[in-house]
N, C-alpha and C. Protein backbone atom coordinates (compact mmCIF):
# COMPACT_ATOMS: atom_id res chain seq x y z
N UNK A 1 165.94 155.61 154.87
CA UNK A 1 164.85 155.34 155.75
C UNK A 1 163.86 154.37 155.13
N UNK A 2 163.81 154.40 153.92
CA UNK A 2 162.87 153.52 153.24
C UNK A 2 163.33 152.08 153.38
N UNK A 3 164.63 151.88 153.50
CA UNK A 3 165.13 150.52 153.62
C UNK A 3 164.74 149.89 154.93
N UNK A 4 164.49 150.72 155.94
CA UNK A 4 164.14 150.19 157.25
C UNK A 4 162.74 149.63 157.26
N UNK A 5 161.93 150.05 156.42
CA UNK A 5 160.54 149.58 156.43
C UNK A 5 160.44 148.27 155.66
N UNK A 6 159.93 147.30 156.32
CA UNK A 6 159.68 146.02 155.64
C UNK A 6 158.21 145.94 155.27
N UNK A 7 157.94 146.36 154.12
CA UNK A 7 156.54 146.33 153.65
C UNK A 7 156.36 145.15 152.69
N UNK A 8 155.21 144.59 152.71
CA UNK A 8 154.96 143.54 151.72
C UNK A 8 155.01 144.12 150.32
N UNK A 9 155.34 143.27 149.31
CA UNK A 9 155.49 143.78 147.96
C UNK A 9 154.23 144.47 147.45
N UNK A 10 153.07 144.01 147.87
CA UNK A 10 151.84 144.65 147.40
C UNK A 10 151.62 145.96 148.09
N UNK A 11 152.12 146.09 149.22
CA UNK A 11 151.95 147.34 149.96
C UNK A 11 150.66 147.32 150.72
N UNK A 12 150.56 148.23 151.70
CA UNK A 12 149.37 148.30 152.54
C UNK A 12 148.14 148.72 151.77
N UNK A 13 148.30 149.55 150.77
CA UNK A 13 147.11 150.01 150.06
C UNK A 13 146.46 148.87 149.29
N UNK A 14 147.25 147.96 148.75
CA UNK A 14 146.69 146.85 148.00
C UNK A 14 145.94 145.89 148.91
N UNK A 15 146.47 145.67 150.10
CA UNK A 15 145.78 144.76 151.01
C UNK A 15 144.46 145.34 151.44
N UNK A 16 144.38 146.67 151.57
CA UNK A 16 143.11 147.28 151.93
C UNK A 16 142.10 147.12 150.80
N UNK A 17 142.57 147.32 149.58
CA UNK A 17 141.64 147.17 148.45
C UNK A 17 141.14 145.74 148.34
N UNK A 18 142.06 144.78 148.51
CA UNK A 18 141.66 143.38 148.46
C UNK A 18 140.69 143.07 149.57
N UNK A 19 140.98 143.57 150.75
CA UNK A 19 140.09 143.32 151.89
C UNK A 19 138.75 143.95 151.66
N UNK A 20 138.76 145.13 151.06
CA UNK A 20 137.49 145.81 150.80
C UNK A 20 136.66 145.05 149.80
N UNK A 21 137.30 144.50 148.79
CA UNK A 21 136.52 143.78 147.79
C UNK A 21 135.99 142.49 148.37
N UNK A 22 136.74 141.82 149.27
CA UNK A 22 136.22 140.63 149.93
C UNK A 22 135.03 140.99 150.80
N UNK A 23 135.15 142.08 151.45
CA UNK A 23 134.05 142.51 152.31
C UNK A 23 132.82 142.82 151.46
N UNK A 24 133.08 143.47 150.29
CA UNK A 24 131.94 143.79 149.43
C UNK A 24 131.30 142.50 148.90
N UNK A 25 132.15 141.56 148.50
CA UNK A 25 131.60 140.31 147.98
C UNK A 25 130.82 139.59 149.07
N UNK A 26 131.34 139.62 150.29
CA UNK A 26 130.61 138.99 151.39
C UNK A 26 129.30 139.70 151.65
N UNK A 27 129.34 141.01 151.51
CA UNK A 27 128.12 141.78 151.75
C UNK A 27 127.07 141.48 150.69
N UNK A 28 127.50 141.39 149.45
CA UNK A 28 126.56 141.10 148.36
C UNK A 28 126.01 139.70 148.53
N UNK A 29 126.85 138.75 148.85
CA UNK A 29 126.40 137.38 149.06
C UNK A 29 125.42 137.29 150.21
N UNK A 30 125.66 138.02 151.24
CA UNK A 30 124.77 138.01 152.40
C UNK A 30 123.43 138.61 152.05
N UNK A 31 123.48 139.73 151.29
CA UNK A 31 122.22 140.36 150.88
C UNK A 31 121.42 139.43 149.97
N UNK A 32 122.13 138.73 149.04
CA UNK A 32 121.44 137.82 148.13
C UNK A 32 120.83 136.67 148.90
N UNK A 33 121.54 136.18 149.87
CA UNK A 33 121.01 135.09 150.69
C UNK A 33 119.80 135.56 151.49
N UNK A 34 119.83 136.81 151.92
CA UNK A 34 118.69 137.32 152.68
C UNK A 34 117.51 137.62 151.76
N UNK A 35 117.78 137.99 150.46
CA UNK A 35 116.71 138.34 149.54
C UNK A 35 115.93 137.09 149.11
N UNK A 36 116.61 135.93 148.96
CA UNK A 36 115.93 134.70 148.53
C UNK A 36 115.88 133.75 149.71
N UNK A 37 114.75 133.69 150.35
CA UNK A 37 114.66 132.77 151.49
C UNK A 37 114.62 131.33 150.98
N UNK A 38 115.35 130.46 151.59
CA UNK A 38 115.38 129.05 151.23
C UNK A 38 114.06 128.41 151.66
N UNK A 39 113.45 127.62 150.74
CA UNK A 39 112.18 126.99 151.11
C UNK A 39 112.42 125.93 152.18
N UNK A 40 111.45 125.84 153.01
CA UNK A 40 111.56 124.83 154.07
C UNK A 40 111.30 123.46 153.45
N UNK A 41 111.53 122.41 154.17
CA UNK A 41 111.32 121.06 153.68
C UNK A 41 109.89 120.82 153.26
N UNK A 42 108.95 121.38 154.00
CA UNK A 42 107.53 121.19 153.68
C UNK A 42 107.15 121.91 152.39
N UNK A 43 107.63 123.15 152.21
CA UNK A 43 107.33 123.90 150.98
C UNK A 43 107.95 123.21 149.77
N UNK A 44 109.17 122.71 149.92
CA UNK A 44 109.85 122.01 148.82
C UNK A 44 109.07 120.75 148.44
N UNK A 45 108.57 120.03 149.42
CA UNK A 45 107.79 118.83 149.16
C UNK A 45 106.49 119.17 148.44
N UNK A 46 105.85 120.27 148.83
CA UNK A 46 104.61 120.69 148.16
C UNK A 46 104.88 121.06 146.71
N UNK A 47 106.02 121.74 146.45
CA UNK A 47 106.36 122.09 145.06
C UNK A 47 106.59 120.82 144.23
N UNK A 48 107.29 119.86 144.81
CA UNK A 48 107.52 118.61 144.09
C UNK A 48 106.21 117.88 143.83
N UNK A 49 105.30 117.91 144.77
CA UNK A 49 103.99 117.27 144.58
C UNK A 49 103.22 117.95 143.45
N UNK A 50 103.28 119.29 143.39
CA UNK A 50 102.61 120.04 142.32
C UNK A 50 103.20 119.68 140.96
N UNK A 51 104.54 119.63 140.89
CA UNK A 51 105.20 119.27 139.63
C UNK A 51 104.83 117.85 139.22
N UNK A 52 104.81 116.95 140.20
CA UNK A 52 104.44 115.56 139.92
C UNK A 52 103.01 115.49 139.39
N UNK A 53 102.11 116.26 140.00
CA UNK A 53 100.71 116.26 139.55
C UNK A 53 100.59 116.83 138.13
N UNK A 54 101.36 117.88 137.83
CA UNK A 54 101.34 118.45 136.48
C UNK A 54 101.82 117.43 135.46
N UNK A 55 102.91 116.73 135.78
CA UNK A 55 103.43 115.72 134.86
C UNK A 55 102.44 114.57 134.68
N UNK A 56 101.80 114.19 135.77
CA UNK A 56 100.80 113.12 135.70
C UNK A 56 99.63 113.55 134.81
N UNK A 57 99.18 114.80 134.96
CA UNK A 57 98.10 115.31 134.11
C UNK A 57 98.50 115.32 132.64
N UNK A 58 99.74 115.77 132.37
CA UNK A 58 100.22 115.78 130.98
C UNK A 58 100.25 114.37 130.41
N UNK A 59 100.73 113.42 131.23
CA UNK A 59 100.78 112.02 130.77
C UNK A 59 99.39 111.49 130.47
N UNK A 60 98.42 111.76 131.36
CA UNK A 60 97.07 111.26 131.15
C UNK A 60 96.43 111.87 129.90
N UNK A 61 96.67 113.17 129.69
CA UNK A 61 96.14 113.81 128.47
C UNK A 61 96.76 113.20 127.23
N UNK A 62 98.08 112.99 127.27
CA UNK A 62 98.77 112.40 126.12
C UNK A 62 98.28 110.98 125.85
N UNK A 63 98.10 110.21 126.91
CA UNK A 63 97.60 108.84 126.76
C UNK A 63 96.19 108.84 126.17
N UNK A 64 95.35 109.77 126.61
CA UNK A 64 93.98 109.85 126.08
C UNK A 64 94.00 110.27 124.62
N UNK A 65 94.87 111.23 124.27
CA UNK A 65 94.97 111.66 122.87
C UNK A 65 95.44 110.51 121.99
N UNK A 66 96.42 109.74 122.46
CA UNK A 66 96.91 108.61 121.67
C UNK A 66 95.83 107.56 121.51
N UNK A 67 95.08 107.28 122.56
CA UNK A 67 94.00 106.30 122.48
C UNK A 67 92.94 106.75 121.47
N UNK A 68 92.60 108.03 121.50
CA UNK A 68 91.63 108.57 120.53
C UNK A 68 92.18 108.45 119.10
N UNK A 69 93.48 108.75 118.92
CA UNK A 69 94.11 108.64 117.60
C UNK A 69 94.06 107.21 117.11
N UNK A 70 94.40 106.25 117.98
CA UNK A 70 94.39 104.84 117.61
C UNK A 70 92.99 104.39 117.20
N UNK A 71 91.97 104.79 117.97
CA UNK A 71 90.60 104.42 117.64
C UNK A 71 90.15 105.05 116.33
N UNK A 72 90.53 106.32 116.13
CA UNK A 72 90.14 107.02 114.90
C UNK A 72 90.78 106.38 113.67
N UNK A 73 92.08 106.04 113.75
CA UNK A 73 92.73 105.42 112.59
C UNK A 73 92.18 104.03 112.32
N UNK A 74 91.85 103.27 113.37
CA UNK A 74 91.24 101.94 113.16
C UNK A 74 89.88 102.09 112.48
N UNK A 75 89.10 103.08 112.92
CA UNK A 75 87.77 103.31 112.31
C UNK A 75 87.92 103.75 110.86
N UNK A 76 88.90 104.65 110.58
CA UNK A 76 89.10 105.11 109.21
C UNK A 76 89.57 103.97 108.31
N UNK A 77 90.44 103.09 108.84
CA UNK A 77 90.91 101.95 108.06
C UNK A 77 89.75 101.01 107.74
N UNK A 78 88.89 100.78 108.73
CA UNK A 78 87.74 99.91 108.50
C UNK A 78 86.79 100.55 107.47
N UNK A 79 86.56 101.85 107.59
CA UNK A 79 85.69 102.53 106.63
C UNK A 79 86.27 102.49 105.23
N UNK A 80 87.59 102.62 105.11
CA UNK A 80 88.24 102.56 103.79
C UNK A 80 88.07 101.16 103.19
N UNK A 81 88.22 100.13 104.02
CA UNK A 81 88.01 98.76 103.53
C UNK A 81 86.58 98.53 103.09
N UNK A 82 85.64 99.06 103.86
CA UNK A 82 84.23 98.91 103.49
C UNK A 82 83.92 99.64 102.19
N UNK A 83 84.49 100.85 102.03
CA UNK A 83 84.28 101.59 100.77
C UNK A 83 84.87 100.83 99.58
N UNK A 84 86.06 100.24 99.77
CA UNK A 84 86.69 99.49 98.68
C UNK A 84 85.85 98.27 98.31
N UNK A 85 85.31 97.58 99.31
CA UNK A 85 84.45 96.44 99.02
C UNK A 85 83.18 96.89 98.32
N UNK A 86 82.64 98.02 98.74
CA UNK A 86 81.44 98.55 98.08
C UNK A 86 81.70 98.90 96.63
N UNK A 87 82.88 99.49 96.35
CA UNK A 87 83.24 99.80 94.96
C UNK A 87 83.34 98.53 94.13
N UNK A 88 83.94 97.49 94.71
CA UNK A 88 84.06 96.21 93.99
C UNK A 88 82.69 95.61 93.72
N UNK A 89 81.82 95.63 94.72
CA UNK A 89 80.47 95.08 94.53
C UNK A 89 79.71 95.86 93.46
N UNK A 90 79.90 97.17 93.43
CA UNK A 90 79.22 98.00 92.43
C UNK A 90 79.60 97.57 91.01
N UNK A 91 80.85 97.12 90.82
CA UNK A 91 81.29 96.68 89.49
C UNK A 91 80.57 95.40 89.06
N UNK A 92 80.10 94.60 90.03
CA UNK A 92 79.45 93.34 89.70
C UNK A 92 77.96 93.48 89.42
N UNK A 93 77.38 94.62 89.74
CA UNK A 93 75.93 94.75 89.65
C UNK A 93 75.40 94.54 88.24
N UNK A 94 76.08 95.11 87.25
CA UNK A 94 75.60 94.94 85.86
C UNK A 94 75.65 93.47 85.45
N UNK A 95 76.75 92.79 85.81
CA UNK A 95 76.85 91.37 85.46
C UNK A 95 75.78 90.56 86.18
N UNK A 96 75.51 90.90 87.41
CA UNK A 96 74.47 90.21 88.17
C UNK A 96 73.10 90.42 87.54
N UNK A 97 72.82 91.65 87.08
CA UNK A 97 71.56 91.92 86.39
C UNK A 97 71.45 91.10 85.11
N UNK A 98 72.56 91.03 84.35
CA UNK A 98 72.55 90.26 83.10
C UNK A 98 72.32 88.77 83.38
N UNK A 99 72.97 88.27 84.43
CA UNK A 99 72.80 86.87 84.79
C UNK A 99 71.35 86.60 85.19
N UNK A 100 70.75 87.54 85.89
CA UNK A 100 69.33 87.40 86.25
C UNK A 100 68.44 87.37 85.03
N UNK A 101 68.75 88.16 84.01
CA UNK A 101 67.96 88.15 82.78
C UNK A 101 68.09 86.81 82.06
N UNK A 102 69.32 86.28 82.04
CA UNK A 102 69.52 84.99 81.38
C UNK A 102 68.77 83.90 82.14
N UNK A 103 68.83 83.95 83.45
CA UNK A 103 68.16 82.92 84.26
C UNK A 103 66.64 83.01 84.17
N UNK A 104 66.11 84.19 83.90
CA UNK A 104 64.66 84.34 83.86
C UNK A 104 64.07 84.12 82.48
N UNK A 105 64.91 83.74 81.52
CA UNK A 105 64.40 83.47 80.18
C UNK A 105 63.48 82.25 80.24
N UNK A 106 62.35 82.37 79.59
CA UNK A 106 61.39 81.27 79.56
C UNK A 106 61.93 80.21 78.60
N UNK A 107 62.26 79.04 79.13
CA UNK A 107 62.86 77.97 78.33
C UNK A 107 61.91 77.49 77.24
N UNK A 108 60.60 77.56 77.47
CA UNK A 108 59.66 77.11 76.46
C UNK A 108 59.60 78.06 75.28
N UNK A 109 59.75 79.36 75.55
CA UNK A 109 59.63 80.35 74.49
C UNK A 109 60.87 80.34 73.59
N UNK A 110 62.04 80.05 74.14
CA UNK A 110 63.27 80.04 73.34
C UNK A 110 63.74 78.61 73.24
N UNK A 111 63.71 78.07 72.06
CA UNK A 111 64.09 76.69 71.85
C UNK A 111 65.58 76.55 71.55
N UNK A 112 66.24 77.67 71.23
CA UNK A 112 67.64 77.60 70.82
C UNK A 112 68.56 77.70 72.05
N UNK A 113 69.16 76.60 72.48
CA UNK A 113 70.05 76.65 73.64
C UNK A 113 71.32 77.46 73.36
N UNK A 114 71.67 77.60 72.10
CA UNK A 114 72.86 78.37 71.75
C UNK A 114 72.73 79.83 72.21
N UNK A 115 71.54 80.38 72.14
CA UNK A 115 71.31 81.76 72.57
C UNK A 115 71.56 81.90 74.07
N UNK A 116 71.13 80.90 74.84
CA UNK A 116 71.35 80.94 76.28
C UNK A 116 72.84 80.85 76.58
N UNK A 117 73.53 79.97 75.88
CA UNK A 117 74.98 79.81 76.09
C UNK A 117 75.70 81.11 75.76
N UNK A 118 75.32 81.75 74.67
CA UNK A 118 75.94 83.03 74.29
C UNK A 118 75.68 84.10 75.35
N UNK A 119 74.47 84.10 75.92
CA UNK A 119 74.16 85.06 76.98
C UNK A 119 75.01 84.83 78.22
N UNK A 120 75.20 83.56 78.60
CA UNK A 120 76.03 83.25 79.76
C UNK A 120 77.48 83.63 79.50
N UNK A 121 77.96 83.37 78.29
CA UNK A 121 79.34 83.75 77.94
C UNK A 121 79.52 85.27 77.96
N UNK A 122 78.51 86.00 77.54
CA UNK A 122 78.58 87.47 77.58
C UNK A 122 78.64 87.96 79.02
N UNK A 123 77.86 87.33 79.89
CA UNK A 123 77.90 87.70 81.31
C UNK A 123 79.27 87.38 81.90
N UNK A 124 79.83 86.23 81.53
CA UNK A 124 81.16 85.85 82.03
C UNK A 124 82.22 86.87 81.58
N UNK A 125 82.18 87.28 80.32
CA UNK A 125 83.14 88.28 79.82
C UNK A 125 83.00 89.61 80.57
N UNK A 126 81.76 90.00 80.81
CA UNK A 126 81.52 91.26 81.52
C UNK A 126 82.02 91.17 82.96
N UNK A 127 81.78 90.04 83.60
CA UNK A 127 82.23 89.83 84.97
C UNK A 127 83.76 89.82 85.04
N UNK A 128 84.40 89.13 84.11
CA UNK A 128 85.87 89.11 84.08
C UNK A 128 86.44 90.50 83.80
N UNK A 129 85.76 91.27 82.98
CA UNK A 129 86.21 92.66 82.72
C UNK A 129 86.15 93.48 84.00
N UNK A 130 85.05 93.35 84.75
CA UNK A 130 84.93 94.09 86.01
C UNK A 130 85.99 93.66 87.00
N UNK A 131 86.27 92.36 87.06
CA UNK A 131 87.29 91.86 87.97
C UNK A 131 88.69 92.30 87.54
N UNK A 132 88.96 92.29 86.24
CA UNK A 132 90.29 92.71 85.77
C UNK A 132 90.49 94.22 85.99
N UNK A 133 89.41 94.99 85.88
CA UNK A 133 89.52 96.43 86.20
C UNK A 133 89.85 96.65 87.67
N UNK A 134 89.43 95.70 88.53
CA UNK A 134 89.71 95.80 89.96
C UNK A 134 91.10 95.27 90.32
N UNK A 135 91.81 94.65 89.34
CA UNK A 135 93.18 94.18 89.59
C UNK A 135 93.36 92.68 89.51
N UNK A 136 92.34 91.94 89.06
CA UNK A 136 92.44 90.49 88.96
C UNK A 136 93.07 90.11 87.62
N UNK A 137 94.00 89.15 87.65
CA UNK A 137 94.61 88.61 86.43
C UNK A 137 94.30 87.13 86.35
N UNK A 138 93.90 86.68 85.16
CA UNK A 138 93.61 85.27 84.95
C UNK A 138 94.90 84.59 84.48
N UNK A 139 95.21 83.45 85.09
CA UNK A 139 96.38 82.67 84.68
C UNK A 139 95.86 81.54 83.79
N UNK A 140 96.11 81.66 82.49
CA UNK A 140 95.69 80.65 81.51
C UNK A 140 96.90 80.36 80.62
N UNK A 141 97.82 79.49 81.09
CA UNK A 141 99.14 79.38 80.49
C UNK A 141 99.30 78.32 79.39
N UNK A 142 98.34 78.14 78.53
CA UNK A 142 98.46 77.13 77.47
C UNK A 142 99.66 77.48 76.60
N UNK A 143 100.48 76.43 76.30
CA UNK A 143 101.68 76.54 75.47
C UNK A 143 102.76 77.44 76.08
N UNK A 144 102.71 77.67 77.37
CA UNK A 144 103.76 78.41 78.06
C UNK A 144 104.54 77.44 78.94
N UNK A 145 105.78 77.77 79.31
CA UNK A 145 106.55 76.88 80.18
C UNK A 145 105.87 76.73 81.55
N UNK A 146 105.96 75.52 82.08
CA UNK A 146 105.38 75.23 83.39
C UNK A 146 106.15 76.03 84.46
N UNK A 147 105.40 76.74 85.32
CA UNK A 147 105.98 77.53 86.41
C UNK A 147 105.35 77.05 87.71
N UNK A 148 106.13 76.33 88.55
CA UNK A 148 105.53 75.79 89.76
C UNK A 148 105.05 76.85 90.75
N UNK A 149 105.47 78.10 90.58
CA UNK A 149 105.00 79.16 91.47
C UNK A 149 103.59 79.63 91.10
N UNK A 150 103.20 79.38 89.83
CA UNK A 150 101.88 79.84 89.37
C UNK A 150 100.99 78.69 88.91
N UNK A 151 101.58 77.53 88.66
CA UNK A 151 100.83 76.41 88.09
C UNK A 151 100.90 75.20 89.01
N UNK A 152 99.85 74.39 88.96
CA UNK A 152 99.83 73.12 89.67
C UNK A 152 99.59 72.02 88.64
N UNK A 153 100.58 71.14 88.50
CA UNK A 153 100.46 70.06 87.51
C UNK A 153 99.57 68.97 88.08
N UNK A 154 98.50 68.64 87.36
CA UNK A 154 97.59 67.58 87.81
C UNK A 154 97.77 66.33 86.96
N UNK A 155 98.44 66.48 85.81
CA UNK A 155 98.69 65.32 84.94
C UNK A 155 99.78 65.69 83.95
N UNK A 156 100.29 64.67 83.28
CA UNK A 156 101.27 64.90 82.21
C UNK A 156 100.78 64.17 80.96
N UNK A 157 101.30 64.57 79.84
CA UNK A 157 101.05 63.87 78.57
C UNK A 157 102.32 63.93 77.75
N UNK A 158 102.50 62.99 76.86
CA UNK A 158 103.75 62.96 76.09
C UNK A 158 103.85 64.17 75.16
N UNK A 159 105.07 64.71 75.09
CA UNK A 159 105.35 65.82 74.16
C UNK A 159 105.74 65.24 72.81
N UNK A 160 105.41 65.94 71.73
CA UNK A 160 105.71 65.46 70.39
C UNK A 160 107.14 65.77 69.97
N UNK A 161 107.75 66.77 70.64
CA UNK A 161 109.13 67.14 70.30
C UNK A 161 109.83 67.59 71.58
N UNK A 162 111.17 67.58 71.57
CA UNK A 162 111.88 68.03 72.77
C UNK A 162 111.62 69.50 73.11
N UNK A 163 111.27 70.30 72.11
CA UNK A 163 110.98 71.72 72.36
C UNK A 163 109.72 71.91 73.19
N UNK A 164 108.82 70.93 73.14
CA UNK A 164 107.55 71.03 73.88
C UNK A 164 107.68 70.54 75.33
N UNK A 165 108.85 70.02 75.70
CA UNK A 165 109.03 69.49 77.05
C UNK A 165 108.76 70.57 78.10
N UNK A 166 107.97 70.25 79.08
CA UNK A 166 107.58 71.13 80.20
C UNK A 166 106.73 72.33 79.77
N UNK A 167 106.06 72.22 78.64
CA UNK A 167 105.08 73.25 78.26
C UNK A 167 103.70 72.81 78.73
N UNK A 168 102.83 73.76 79.01
CA UNK A 168 101.47 73.47 79.45
C UNK A 168 100.63 73.07 78.24
N UNK A 169 100.03 71.89 78.30
CA UNK A 169 99.21 71.41 77.20
C UNK A 169 97.77 71.90 77.32
N UNK A 170 97.20 71.76 78.51
CA UNK A 170 95.81 72.16 78.73
C UNK A 170 95.67 72.72 80.14
N UNK A 171 94.62 73.52 80.31
CA UNK A 171 94.31 74.08 81.63
C UNK A 171 92.99 73.48 82.09
N UNK A 172 93.05 72.75 83.22
CA UNK A 172 91.81 72.21 83.80
C UNK A 172 91.03 73.30 84.51
N UNK A 173 91.76 74.14 85.21
CA UNK A 173 91.12 75.20 85.99
C UNK A 173 92.04 76.41 85.97
N UNK A 174 91.55 77.56 85.50
CA UNK A 174 92.44 78.74 85.46
C UNK A 174 92.83 79.21 86.86
N UNK A 175 93.97 79.84 86.94
CA UNK A 175 94.42 80.42 88.20
C UNK A 175 94.18 81.92 88.20
N UNK A 176 94.38 82.53 89.37
CA UNK A 176 94.10 83.96 89.49
C UNK A 176 95.16 84.64 90.35
N UNK A 177 95.55 85.83 89.90
CA UNK A 177 96.42 86.73 90.66
C UNK A 177 95.64 87.99 90.95
N UNK A 178 95.77 88.50 92.15
CA UNK A 178 95.14 89.78 92.48
C UNK A 178 96.23 90.73 92.95
N UNK A 179 96.52 91.71 92.10
CA UNK A 179 97.55 92.71 92.36
C UNK A 179 98.85 92.06 92.80
N UNK A 180 99.28 91.04 92.05
CA UNK A 180 100.55 90.37 92.30
C UNK A 180 100.48 89.24 93.31
N UNK A 181 99.37 89.07 93.99
CA UNK A 181 99.22 88.01 95.00
C UNK A 181 98.49 86.83 94.36
N UNK A 182 99.07 85.63 94.50
CA UNK A 182 98.47 84.43 93.94
C UNK A 182 97.25 84.04 94.77
N UNK A 183 96.07 84.05 94.14
CA UNK A 183 94.85 83.61 94.82
C UNK A 183 94.65 82.11 94.65
N UNK A 184 94.93 81.63 93.42
CA UNK A 184 94.78 80.20 93.14
C UNK A 184 95.68 79.85 91.96
N UNK A 185 96.47 78.78 92.09
CA UNK A 185 97.31 78.39 90.95
C UNK A 185 96.45 77.78 89.85
N UNK A 186 96.94 77.87 88.62
CA UNK A 186 96.25 77.24 87.50
C UNK A 186 96.54 75.74 87.55
N UNK A 187 95.50 74.92 87.46
CA UNK A 187 95.67 73.47 87.44
C UNK A 187 95.80 73.04 85.98
N UNK A 188 96.95 72.42 85.67
CA UNK A 188 97.30 72.23 84.26
C UNK A 188 97.79 70.81 83.99
N UNK A 189 97.78 70.47 82.69
CA UNK A 189 98.41 69.25 82.18
C UNK A 189 99.71 69.69 81.51
N UNK A 190 100.80 69.03 81.85
CA UNK A 190 102.12 69.43 81.37
C UNK A 190 102.63 68.40 80.37
N UNK A 191 103.21 68.88 79.27
CA UNK A 191 103.82 67.99 78.27
C UNK A 191 105.18 67.53 78.79
N UNK A 192 105.47 66.25 78.53
CA UNK A 192 106.75 65.72 78.99
C UNK A 192 107.37 64.90 77.85
N UNK A 193 108.61 65.26 77.54
CA UNK A 193 109.33 64.57 76.45
C UNK A 193 109.89 63.24 76.97
N UNK A 194 109.50 62.19 76.33
CA UNK A 194 110.00 60.85 76.69
C UNK A 194 111.06 60.47 75.68
N UNK A 195 112.27 60.18 76.09
CA UNK A 195 113.37 59.82 75.17
C UNK A 195 113.38 58.35 74.90
């Protein structure tokens, strides 16, 4: 008798279970759809406008913060430069006072010009010391090889031997480097060997 029945391989009980689970899934989906109402076009547009306004506010705050940062760093950089210049000027004050004392010497009371020259030389040494402490280097290349990156040849003179060729004979005007930067080349006379 069992052979007469043409039942599907899954059997009727399986189809009921499958159908029941589809029905349950449909029921759950329907309940979820009913629990979360879809926003209307107008509500969705209002939400987008609110989000846009929030982003715009964030952008404006960020732009204002960056502008304040830029102004603050520019002000701090300027103040640092002013402080550095003030420190440099402070180093010159003693030399300036000494120069004022030399200039105010009564020429009639002191007949020895050598004393005045020594005073000026002392002020020059003090001033150069203050400048070298700040990072200035004097280029005074007597008897050194001519270097076109640091020296400017203004004249030549004959060398006495081939070993003296292209050596600096005299310095007309010293040059200066400040922390590795050339401020002024040394103007020099260069020896040249004539064969």
